[in-house]
N, C-alpha and C. Protein backbone atom coordinates (compact mmCIF):
# COMPACT_ATOMS: atom_id res chain seq x y z
N UNK A 1 86.06 -23.27 104.82
CA UNK A 1 87.33 -22.91 104.23
C UNK A 1 88.48 -23.08 105.20
N UNK A 2 88.23 -22.92 106.48
CA UNK A 2 89.28 -22.99 107.48
C UNK A 2 89.36 -24.41 108.02
N UNK A 3 90.56 -24.97 108.03
CA UNK A 3 90.75 -26.32 108.56
C UNK A 3 90.92 -26.29 110.06
N UNK A 4 91.54 -25.24 110.58
CA UNK A 4 91.76 -25.13 112.01
C UNK A 4 90.76 -24.14 112.57
N UNK A 5 90.09 -24.54 113.65
CA UNK A 5 89.10 -23.66 114.25
C UNK A 5 89.79 -22.57 115.06
N UNK A 6 89.31 -21.37 114.88
CA UNK A 6 89.87 -20.24 115.62
C UNK A 6 89.36 -20.22 117.05
N UNK A 7 90.20 -19.71 117.92
CA UNK A 7 89.82 -19.41 119.30
C UNK A 7 90.01 -17.92 119.45
N UNK A 8 88.92 -17.21 119.67
CA UNK A 8 88.99 -15.76 119.77
C UNK A 8 88.53 -15.29 121.14
N UNK A 9 89.26 -14.33 121.68
CA UNK A 9 88.76 -13.64 122.86
C UNK A 9 87.57 -12.80 122.44
N UNK A 10 86.67 -12.53 123.36
CA UNK A 10 85.47 -11.77 123.00
C UNK A 10 85.82 -10.39 122.43
N UNK A 11 86.88 -9.77 122.93
CA UNK A 11 87.28 -8.46 122.42
C UNK A 11 87.76 -8.57 120.97
N UNK A 12 88.60 -9.56 120.69
CA UNK A 12 89.09 -9.77 119.33
C UNK A 12 87.93 -10.09 118.39
N UNK A 13 87.00 -10.90 118.86
CA UNK A 13 85.84 -11.26 118.04
C UNK A 13 85.04 -10.01 117.68
N UNK A 14 84.80 -9.14 118.65
CA UNK A 14 84.05 -7.90 118.38
C UNK A 14 84.79 -7.03 117.38
N UNK A 15 86.11 -6.92 117.53
CA UNK A 15 86.91 -6.11 116.60
C UNK A 15 86.82 -6.67 115.18
N UNK A 16 86.94 -7.99 115.05
CA UNK A 16 86.88 -8.60 113.72
C UNK A 16 85.48 -8.50 113.10
N UNK A 17 84.46 -8.66 113.92
CA UNK A 17 83.08 -8.52 113.41
C UNK A 17 82.86 -7.11 112.88
N UNK A 18 83.30 -6.12 113.63
CA UNK A 18 83.16 -4.73 113.21
C UNK A 18 83.96 -4.48 111.93
N UNK A 19 85.18 -4.99 111.89
CA UNK A 19 86.03 -4.82 110.72
C UNK A 19 85.40 -5.48 109.49
N UNK A 20 84.84 -6.67 109.68
CA UNK A 20 84.22 -7.39 108.58
C UNK A 20 83.10 -6.56 107.94
N UNK A 21 82.35 -5.86 108.77
CA UNK A 21 81.21 -5.08 108.28
C UNK A 21 81.62 -3.79 107.58
N UNK A 22 82.80 -3.26 107.92
CA UNK A 22 83.18 -1.94 107.40
C UNK A 22 84.37 -1.94 106.44
N UNK A 23 85.19 -2.96 106.47
CA UNK A 23 86.42 -2.96 105.69
C UNK A 23 86.20 -3.36 104.24
N UNK A 24 87.08 -2.89 103.41
CA UNK A 24 87.11 -3.34 102.02
C UNK A 24 88.12 -4.48 101.96
N UNK A 25 87.59 -5.69 101.77
CA UNK A 25 88.43 -6.88 101.71
C UNK A 25 88.27 -7.55 100.35
N UNK A 26 89.29 -8.30 99.96
CA UNK A 26 89.16 -9.07 98.72
C UNK A 26 88.06 -10.11 98.91
N UNK A 27 87.54 -10.61 97.83
CA UNK A 27 86.49 -11.63 97.90
C UNK A 27 86.98 -12.84 98.70
N UNK A 28 88.22 -13.26 98.45
CA UNK A 28 88.80 -14.40 99.16
C UNK A 28 88.83 -14.14 100.66
N UNK A 29 89.39 -12.99 101.06
CA UNK A 29 89.53 -12.68 102.48
C UNK A 29 88.18 -12.49 103.15
N UNK A 30 87.25 -11.86 102.47
CA UNK A 30 85.93 -11.63 103.04
C UNK A 30 85.23 -12.97 103.32
N UNK A 31 85.29 -13.89 102.37
CA UNK A 31 84.67 -15.20 102.55
C UNK A 31 85.37 -15.99 103.65
N UNK A 32 86.70 -15.95 103.66
CA UNK A 32 87.45 -16.68 104.68
C UNK A 32 87.16 -16.13 106.07
N UNK A 33 87.18 -14.81 106.21
CA UNK A 33 86.91 -14.20 107.52
C UNK A 33 85.48 -14.50 107.97
N UNK A 34 84.54 -14.46 107.05
CA UNK A 34 83.14 -14.76 107.37
C UNK A 34 83.02 -16.18 107.94
N UNK A 35 83.66 -17.14 107.29
CA UNK A 35 83.62 -18.53 107.75
C UNK A 35 84.33 -18.69 109.09
N UNK A 36 85.47 -18.03 109.24
CA UNK A 36 86.21 -18.13 110.49
C UNK A 36 85.40 -17.57 111.66
N UNK A 37 84.78 -16.43 111.46
CA UNK A 37 83.98 -15.82 112.53
C UNK A 37 82.76 -16.69 112.86
N UNK A 38 82.19 -17.28 111.84
CA UNK A 38 81.00 -18.12 112.03
C UNK A 38 81.32 -19.36 112.88
N UNK A 39 82.50 -19.92 112.71
CA UNK A 39 82.84 -21.18 113.38
C UNK A 39 83.82 -21.03 114.55
N UNK A 40 84.22 -19.81 114.86
CA UNK A 40 85.20 -19.60 115.92
C UNK A 40 84.63 -19.93 117.30
N UNK A 41 85.51 -20.40 118.16
CA UNK A 41 85.17 -20.57 119.57
C UNK A 41 85.47 -19.24 120.25
N UNK A 42 84.46 -18.67 120.92
CA UNK A 42 84.62 -17.37 121.57
C UNK A 42 84.72 -17.59 123.08
N UNK A 43 85.78 -17.03 123.66
CA UNK A 43 85.98 -17.14 125.11
C UNK A 43 86.28 -15.75 125.68
N UNK A 44 86.33 -15.65 126.99
CA UNK A 44 86.71 -14.38 127.61
C UNK A 44 88.12 -14.03 127.17
N UNK A 45 88.33 -12.77 126.83
CA UNK A 45 89.64 -12.34 126.34
C UNK A 45 90.75 -12.68 127.32
N UNK A 46 90.51 -12.51 128.61
CA UNK A 46 91.57 -12.79 129.59
C UNK A 46 91.81 -14.29 129.79
N UNK A 47 90.99 -15.13 129.15
CA UNK A 47 91.17 -16.58 129.22
C UNK A 47 91.83 -17.15 127.96
N UNK A 48 92.18 -16.27 127.03
CA UNK A 48 92.79 -16.72 125.78
C UNK A 48 94.12 -17.42 126.08
N UNK A 49 94.29 -18.65 125.60
CA UNK A 49 95.54 -19.37 125.87
C UNK A 49 96.77 -18.59 125.38
N UNK A 50 97.86 -18.79 126.05
CA UNK A 50 99.13 -18.10 125.74
C UNK A 50 99.57 -18.32 124.30
N UNK A 51 99.28 -19.51 123.74
CA UNK A 51 99.77 -19.84 122.40
C UNK A 51 98.80 -19.48 121.27
N UNK A 52 97.76 -18.71 121.60
CA UNK A 52 96.78 -18.27 120.60
C UNK A 52 96.99 -16.78 120.33
N UNK A 53 97.02 -16.41 119.06
CA UNK A 53 97.25 -15.02 118.68
C UNK A 53 96.04 -14.16 119.05
N UNK A 54 96.31 -13.11 119.82
CA UNK A 54 95.28 -12.17 120.22
C UNK A 54 95.86 -10.77 120.29
N UNK A 55 95.05 -9.84 120.72
CA UNK A 55 95.50 -8.47 120.90
C UNK A 55 96.62 -8.46 121.94
N UNK A 56 97.68 -7.76 121.64
CA UNK A 56 98.90 -7.63 122.46
C UNK A 56 99.80 -8.86 122.42
N UNK A 57 99.49 -9.84 121.58
CA UNK A 57 100.39 -10.98 121.43
C UNK A 57 101.65 -10.57 120.69
N UNK A 58 102.75 -11.18 121.09
CA UNK A 58 104.00 -11.11 120.33
C UNK A 58 104.02 -12.35 119.45
N UNK A 59 104.29 -12.16 118.17
CA UNK A 59 104.18 -13.27 117.22
C UNK A 59 105.42 -13.33 116.34
N UNK A 60 105.86 -14.56 116.07
CA UNK A 60 106.90 -14.79 115.07
C UNK A 60 106.27 -15.68 114.00
N UNK A 61 106.32 -15.22 112.75
CA UNK A 61 105.78 -15.99 111.65
C UNK A 61 106.88 -16.26 110.63
N UNK A 62 106.65 -17.27 109.83
CA UNK A 62 107.56 -17.58 108.73
C UNK A 62 106.77 -17.55 107.43
N UNK A 63 107.28 -16.81 106.47
CA UNK A 63 106.72 -16.83 105.12
C UNK A 63 107.12 -18.18 104.53
N UNK A 64 106.14 -19.00 104.19
CA UNK A 64 106.42 -20.36 103.73
C UNK A 64 107.15 -20.40 102.39
N UNK A 65 107.04 -19.35 101.61
CA UNK A 65 107.71 -19.32 100.31
C UNK A 65 109.16 -18.89 100.44
N UNK A 66 109.39 -17.76 101.11
CA UNK A 66 110.75 -17.22 101.21
C UNK A 66 111.53 -17.78 102.39
N UNK A 67 110.82 -18.40 103.34
CA UNK A 67 111.42 -18.92 104.58
C UNK A 67 111.93 -17.81 105.51
N UNK A 68 111.58 -16.55 105.21
CA UNK A 68 111.96 -15.44 106.08
C UNK A 68 111.03 -15.41 107.28
N UNK A 69 111.58 -15.01 108.43
CA UNK A 69 110.76 -14.88 109.62
C UNK A 69 110.57 -13.41 109.96
N UNK A 70 109.43 -13.12 110.56
CA UNK A 70 109.07 -11.77 110.96
C UNK A 70 108.51 -11.84 112.37
N UNK A 71 108.87 -10.86 113.19
CA UNK A 71 108.35 -10.79 114.55
C UNK A 71 107.70 -9.44 114.77
N UNK A 72 106.59 -9.45 115.49
CA UNK A 72 105.85 -8.21 115.75
C UNK A 72 104.88 -8.43 116.89
N UNK A 73 104.32 -7.33 117.37
CA UNK A 73 103.27 -7.37 118.37
C UNK A 73 102.00 -6.80 117.74
N UNK A 74 100.86 -7.41 118.05
CA UNK A 74 99.58 -6.92 117.54
C UNK A 74 98.98 -5.98 118.59
N UNK A 75 98.68 -4.76 118.16
CA UNK A 75 98.21 -3.73 119.09
C UNK A 75 97.01 -2.99 118.49
N UNK A 76 96.28 -2.23 119.32
CA UNK A 76 95.21 -1.39 118.78
C UNK A 76 95.78 -0.38 117.77
N UNK A 77 94.93 0.09 116.89
CA UNK A 77 95.34 0.99 115.82
C UNK A 77 96.15 2.18 116.33
N UNK A 78 95.73 2.78 117.42
CA UNK A 78 96.41 3.99 117.92
C UNK A 78 97.77 3.71 118.57
N UNK A 79 98.12 2.43 118.75
CA UNK A 79 99.42 2.08 119.32
C UNK A 79 100.39 1.52 118.27
N UNK A 80 99.92 1.37 117.04
CA UNK A 80 100.76 0.79 115.99
C UNK A 80 101.98 1.68 115.73
N UNK A 81 103.14 1.03 115.57
CA UNK A 81 104.39 1.74 115.34
C UNK A 81 105.37 0.76 114.69
N UNK A 82 105.57 0.89 113.40
CA UNK A 82 106.42 -0.05 112.68
C UNK A 82 107.86 -0.05 113.19
N UNK A 83 108.36 1.09 113.67
CA UNK A 83 109.73 1.14 114.19
C UNK A 83 109.88 0.26 115.43
N UNK A 84 108.78 0.06 116.15
CA UNK A 84 108.79 -0.78 117.34
C UNK A 84 108.22 -2.17 117.06
N UNK A 85 108.00 -2.48 115.78
CA UNK A 85 107.42 -3.77 115.36
C UNK A 85 106.05 -4.01 115.99
N UNK A 86 105.26 -2.96 116.07
CA UNK A 86 103.89 -3.06 116.58
C UNK A 86 102.95 -2.80 115.41
N UNK A 87 102.16 -3.84 115.07
CA UNK A 87 101.24 -3.69 113.93
C UNK A 87 99.80 -3.57 114.42
N UNK A 88 99.02 -2.85 113.67
CA UNK A 88 97.61 -2.65 114.01
C UNK A 88 96.83 -3.96 113.93
N UNK A 89 95.91 -4.10 114.84
CA UNK A 89 95.01 -5.25 114.83
C UNK A 89 94.20 -5.31 113.53
N UNK A 90 94.10 -4.17 112.82
CA UNK A 90 93.36 -4.12 111.57
C UNK A 90 94.26 -4.28 110.33
N UNK A 91 95.54 -4.53 110.53
CA UNK A 91 96.43 -4.75 109.39
C UNK A 91 96.10 -6.10 108.76
N UNK A 92 96.38 -6.27 107.47
CA UNK A 92 96.10 -7.56 106.83
C UNK A 92 96.74 -8.74 107.56
N UNK A 93 97.97 -8.56 108.04
CA UNK A 93 98.65 -9.66 108.72
C UNK A 93 97.94 -10.03 110.02
N UNK A 94 97.59 -9.03 110.82
CA UNK A 94 96.92 -9.31 112.10
C UNK A 94 95.57 -9.98 111.87
N UNK A 95 94.81 -9.47 110.93
CA UNK A 95 93.51 -10.07 110.64
C UNK A 95 93.68 -11.52 110.20
N UNK A 96 94.72 -11.78 109.44
CA UNK A 96 94.96 -13.14 108.94
C UNK A 96 95.23 -14.14 110.05
N UNK A 97 95.93 -13.72 111.11
CA UNK A 97 96.39 -14.70 112.10
C UNK A 97 95.67 -14.65 113.45
N UNK A 98 94.84 -13.64 113.70
CA UNK A 98 94.13 -13.58 114.98
C UNK A 98 93.34 -14.87 115.21
N UNK A 99 93.49 -15.42 116.40
CA UNK A 99 92.74 -16.61 116.77
C UNK A 99 93.41 -17.93 116.43
N UNK A 100 94.48 -17.88 115.64
CA UNK A 100 95.20 -19.11 115.31
C UNK A 100 96.23 -19.43 116.39
N UNK A 101 96.53 -20.71 116.53
CA UNK A 101 97.49 -21.15 117.53
C UNK A 101 98.89 -21.27 116.94
N UNK A 102 99.85 -21.23 117.82
CA UNK A 102 101.23 -21.49 117.45
C UNK A 102 101.29 -22.81 116.69
N UNK A 103 102.01 -22.82 115.58
CA UNK A 103 102.13 -24.03 114.76
C UNK A 103 101.15 -24.08 113.60
N UNK A 104 100.19 -23.16 113.57
CA UNK A 104 99.18 -23.16 112.51
C UNK A 104 99.76 -22.62 111.21
N UNK A 105 99.26 -23.16 110.11
CA UNK A 105 99.56 -22.64 108.78
C UNK A 105 98.36 -21.81 108.34
N UNK A 106 98.63 -20.59 107.88
CA UNK A 106 97.57 -19.66 107.53
C UNK A 106 97.79 -19.16 106.11
N UNK A 107 96.73 -19.17 105.31
CA UNK A 107 96.76 -18.60 103.97
C UNK A 107 95.86 -17.39 103.96
N UNK A 108 96.37 -16.29 103.43
CA UNK A 108 95.61 -15.03 103.40
C UNK A 108 96.04 -14.25 102.18
N UNK A 109 95.12 -13.54 101.58
CA UNK A 109 95.46 -12.72 100.43
C UNK A 109 95.98 -11.37 100.92
N UNK A 110 97.25 -11.13 100.65
CA UNK A 110 97.90 -9.88 101.01
C UNK A 110 97.93 -8.98 99.77
N UNK A 111 98.36 -7.73 99.94
CA UNK A 111 98.42 -6.85 98.77
C UNK A 111 99.23 -7.43 97.61
N UNK A 112 100.22 -8.27 97.90
CA UNK A 112 101.03 -8.88 96.85
C UNK A 112 100.50 -10.20 96.33
N UNK A 113 99.35 -10.65 96.82
CA UNK A 113 98.78 -11.91 96.38
C UNK A 113 98.60 -12.88 97.54
N UNK A 114 98.20 -14.10 97.22
CA UNK A 114 97.95 -15.13 98.23
C UNK A 114 99.28 -15.54 98.88
N UNK A 115 99.31 -15.51 100.22
CA UNK A 115 100.53 -15.83 100.96
C UNK A 115 100.24 -16.93 101.97
N UNK A 116 101.25 -17.74 102.23
CA UNK A 116 101.15 -18.81 103.23
C UNK A 116 102.16 -18.54 104.34
N UNK A 117 101.68 -18.63 105.58
CA UNK A 117 102.52 -18.35 106.74
C UNK A 117 102.41 -19.47 107.76
N UNK A 118 103.50 -19.68 108.47
CA UNK A 118 103.53 -20.59 109.61
C UNK A 118 103.69 -19.72 110.85
N UNK A 119 102.81 -19.91 111.82
CA UNK A 119 102.94 -19.19 113.08
C UNK A 119 103.91 -19.98 113.94
N UNK A 120 105.12 -19.45 114.07
CA UNK A 120 106.20 -20.18 114.75
C UNK A 120 106.16 -20.02 116.26
N UNK A 121 105.80 -18.82 116.73
CA UNK A 121 105.81 -18.57 118.18
C UNK A 121 104.79 -17.50 118.52
N UNK A 122 104.11 -17.71 119.64
CA UNK A 122 103.15 -16.74 120.16
C UNK A 122 103.40 -16.60 121.65
N UNK A 123 103.48 -15.37 122.12
CA UNK A 123 103.61 -15.15 123.56
C UNK A 123 102.92 -13.84 123.92
N UNK A 124 102.62 -13.70 125.17
CA UNK A 124 101.98 -12.47 125.65
C UNK A 124 103.01 -11.48 126.15
N UNK A 125 104.17 -11.96 126.54
CA UNK A 125 105.25 -11.10 127.01
C UNK A 125 106.46 -11.31 126.12
N UNK A 126 107.18 -10.24 125.88
CA UNK A 126 108.36 -10.35 125.03
C UNK A 126 109.56 -10.82 125.82
């Protein structure tokens, strides 16, 4: 299902594997995540390239339909704070884009339906 192969740090891979086993996901998302995890390249978390979305990444995405951009940082659940634009690693958006590189197009089923996003920028420092 995935055209672009994911690159996941070992920590992110463990988090997604655990989430896959316990979360309630739509059929589409469950199948997509299963395939992504099956085919992902797993590397040491501290070796994750700067342009690949991982834990603590700062990300700018564009909604392909509305052309609106959103910026946020992906953090552990206990550090999530919407006022500071910090989203949980277990949020639908974070799960959708973890492991993808800057420039990737990602389709994921969100609460409002199937959405398409472009990952415009990824960095480790703001």
